[in-house]
């Protein structure tokens, strides 16, 4: 189930989290990540700006615009390669 909430003027999906009772007893990741449907929906929210400040502001130097576009196109392996460049 996708849980949506309002972020400014936009609806966005809430990433599933590990339940509290499991968090206190282990070291698993709290954020469980999006499935394919949710990831593509979130990627489609990207405006694909001509002058993307997300890429300029990324401390790891990731081409954010490029990998988000690939996720929107369901090219997940290529998106992973883009992040790894």
C-alpha atoms as a PDB file:
ATOM      1  CA  UNK A   1       0.000   0.000   0.000  1.00  0.00           C
ATOM      2  CA  UNK A   2       1.314   3.440  -0.908  1.00  0.00           C
ATOM      3  CA  UNK A   3       0.852   6.079   1.774  1.00  0.00           C
ATOM      4  CA  UNK A   4       0.793   9.591   0.327  1.00  0.00           C
ATOM      5  CA  UNK A   5       1.353  12.822   2.188  1.00  0.00           C
ATOM      6  CA  UNK A   6       1.453  16.463   1.187  1.00  0.00           C
ATOM      7  CA  UNK A   7       4.912  17.995   0.775  1.00  0.00           C
ATOM      8  CA  UNK A   8       4.436  21.649  -0.077  1.00  0.00           C
ATOM      9  CA  UNK A   9       2.052  21.594  -3.013  1.00  0.00           C
ATOM     10  CA  UNK A  10       2.929  18.023  -4.042  1.00  0.00           C
ATOM     11  CA  UNK A  11       1.823  14.572  -2.989  1.00  0.00           C
ATOM     12  CA  UNK A  12       4.706  12.248  -2.231  1.00  0.00           C
ATOM     13  CA  UNK A  13       4.936   8.625  -1.148  1.00  0.00           C
ATOM     14  CA  UNK A  14       6.022   7.679   2.340  1.00  0.00           C
ATOM     15  CA  UNK A  15       8.862   5.162   2.366  1.00  0.00           C
ATOM     16  CA  UNK A  16       8.024   2.032   4.382  1.00  0.00           C
ATOM     17  CA  UNK A  17       9.880   1.768   7.711  1.00  0.00           C
ATOM     18  CA  UNK A  18      10.851  -1.105   9.949  1.00  0.00           C
ATOM     19  CA  UNK A  19       8.353  -1.393  12.850  1.00  0.00           C
ATOM     20  CA  UNK A  20       9.567   0.049  16.156  1.00  0.00           C
ATOM     21  CA  UNK A  21       9.504  -3.323  17.933  1.00  0.00           C
ATOM     22  CA  UNK A  22      12.011  -4.676  15.384  1.00  0.00           C
ATOM     23  CA  UNK A  23      14.195  -1.537  15.469  1.00  0.00           C
ATOM     24  CA  UNK A  24      14.964  -1.802  19.177  1.00  0.00           C
ATOM     25  CA  UNK A  25      16.105  -5.417  18.875  1.00  0.00           C
ATOM     26  CA  UNK A  26      18.405  -5.286  15.868  1.00  0.00           C
ATOM     27  CA  UNK A  27      20.533  -3.374  13.427  1.00  0.00           C
ATOM     28  CA  UNK A  28      18.480  -3.751  10.260  1.00  0.00           C
ATOM     29  CA  UNK A  29      17.886  -0.734   8.028  1.00  0.00           C
ATOM     30  CA  UNK A  30      14.989   1.376   9.313  1.00  0.00           C
ATOM     31  CA  UNK A  31      13.950   2.669   5.895  1.00  0.00           C
ATOM     32  CA  UNK A  32      12.843  -0.320   3.835  1.00  0.00           C
ATOM     33  CA  UNK A  33      13.005   1.368   0.433  1.00  0.00           C
ATOM     34  CA  UNK A  34      10.442   1.682  -2.319  1.00  0.00           C
ATOM     35  CA  UNK A  35       9.195  -1.085  -4.532  1.00  0.00           C
ATOM     36  CA  UNK A  36       9.277  -0.628  -8.310  1.00  0.00           C
ATOM     37  CA  UNK A  37       5.870   1.050  -8.500  1.00  0.00           C
ATOM     38  CA  UNK A  38       6.650   3.567  -5.745  1.00  0.00           C
ATOM     39  CA  UNK A  39      10.168   4.303  -7.056  1.00  0.00           C
ATOM     40  CA  UNK A  40       8.867   5.030 -10.549  1.00  0.00           C
ATOM     41  CA  UNK A  41       6.060   7.216  -9.159  1.00  0.00           C
ATOM     42  CA  UNK A  42       8.541   9.232  -7.099  1.00  0.00           C
ATOM     43  CA  UNK A  43      10.975   9.514 -10.030  1.00  0.00           C
ATOM     44  CA  UNK A  44       8.177  10.843 -12.212  1.00  0.00           C
ATOM     45  CA  UNK A  45       7.816  13.769  -9.790  1.00  0.00           C
ATOM     46  CA  UNK A  46      11.257  15.039 -10.867  1.00  0.00           C
ATOM     47  CA  UNK A  47      10.998  18.186 -12.974  1.00  0.00           C
ATOM     48  CA  UNK A  48      14.166  17.336 -14.982  1.00  0.00           C
ATOM     49  CA  UNK A  49      15.347  20.944 -14.567  1.00  0.00           C
ATOM     50  CA  UNK A  50      17.602  22.438 -17.187  1.00  0.00           C
ATOM     51  CA  UNK A  51      19.925  23.664 -14.435  1.00  0.00           C
ATOM     52  CA  UNK A  52      19.565  20.956 -11.725  1.00  0.00           C
ATOM     53  CA  UNK A  53      20.655  22.230  -8.319  1.00  0.00           C
ATOM     54  CA  UNK A  54      20.275  18.715  -6.882  1.00  0.00           C
ATOM     55  CA  UNK A  55      23.290  17.551  -8.894  1.00  0.00           C
ATOM     56  CA  UNK A  56      25.331  20.639  -8.029  1.00  0.00           C
ATOM     57  CA  UNK A  57      24.464  20.231  -4.351  1.00  0.00           C
ATOM     58  CA  UNK A  58      25.213  16.506  -4.151  1.00  0.00           C
ATOM     59  CA  UNK A  59      28.340  16.004  -2.004  1.00  0.00           C
ATOM     60  CA  UNK A  60      29.039  12.697  -3.784  1.00  0.00           C
ATOM     61  CA  UNK A  61      28.826  14.339  -7.211  1.00  0.00           C
ATOM     62  CA  UNK A  62      26.042  12.023  -8.392  1.00  0.00           C
ATOM     63  CA  UNK A  63      24.179  12.928 -11.597  1.00  0.00           C
ATOM     64  CA  UNK A  64      20.837  13.024  -9.762  1.00  0.00           C
ATOM     65  CA  UNK A  65      18.858  14.160 -12.772  1.00  0.00           C
ATOM     66  CA  UNK A  66      20.309  11.346 -14.879  1.00  0.00           C
ATOM     67  CA  UNK A  67      19.682   8.491 -12.472  1.00  0.00           C
ATOM     68  CA  UNK A  68      16.187   9.718 -11.582  1.00  0.00           C
ATOM     69  CA  UNK A  69      15.319   9.840 -15.286  1.00  0.00           C
ATOM     70  CA  UNK A  70      16.527   6.244 -15.662  1.00  0.00           C
ATOM     71  CA  UNK A  71      14.389   5.121 -12.715  1.00  0.00           C
ATOM     72  CA  UNK A  72      11.356   6.813 -14.285  1.00  0.00           C
ATOM     73  CA  UNK A  73      12.111   4.829 -17.467  1.00  0.00           C
ATOM     74  CA  UNK A  74      12.386   1.593 -15.378  1.00  0.00           C
ATOM     75  CA  UNK A  75      16.047   1.195 -16.342  1.00  0.00           C
ATOM     76  CA  UNK A  76      17.098   0.231 -12.829  1.00  0.00           C
ATOM     77  CA  UNK A  77      20.446  -1.388 -13.654  1.00  0.00           C
ATOM     78  CA  UNK A  78      21.444   1.627 -15.738  1.00  0.00           C
ATOM     79  CA  UNK A  79      20.365   3.909 -12.877  1.00  0.00           C
ATOM     80  CA  UNK A  80      22.643   1.965 -10.515  1.00  0.00           C
ATOM     81  CA  UNK A  81      25.508   2.317 -12.982  1.00  0.00           C
ATOM     82  CA  UNK A  82      24.820   6.078 -13.204  1.00  0.00           C
ATOM     83  CA  UNK A  83      25.068   6.442  -9.421  1.00  0.00           C
ATOM     84  CA  UNK A  84      28.328   4.472  -9.437  1.00  0.00           C
ATOM     85  CA  UNK A  85      30.036   6.690 -12.052  1.00  0.00           C
END
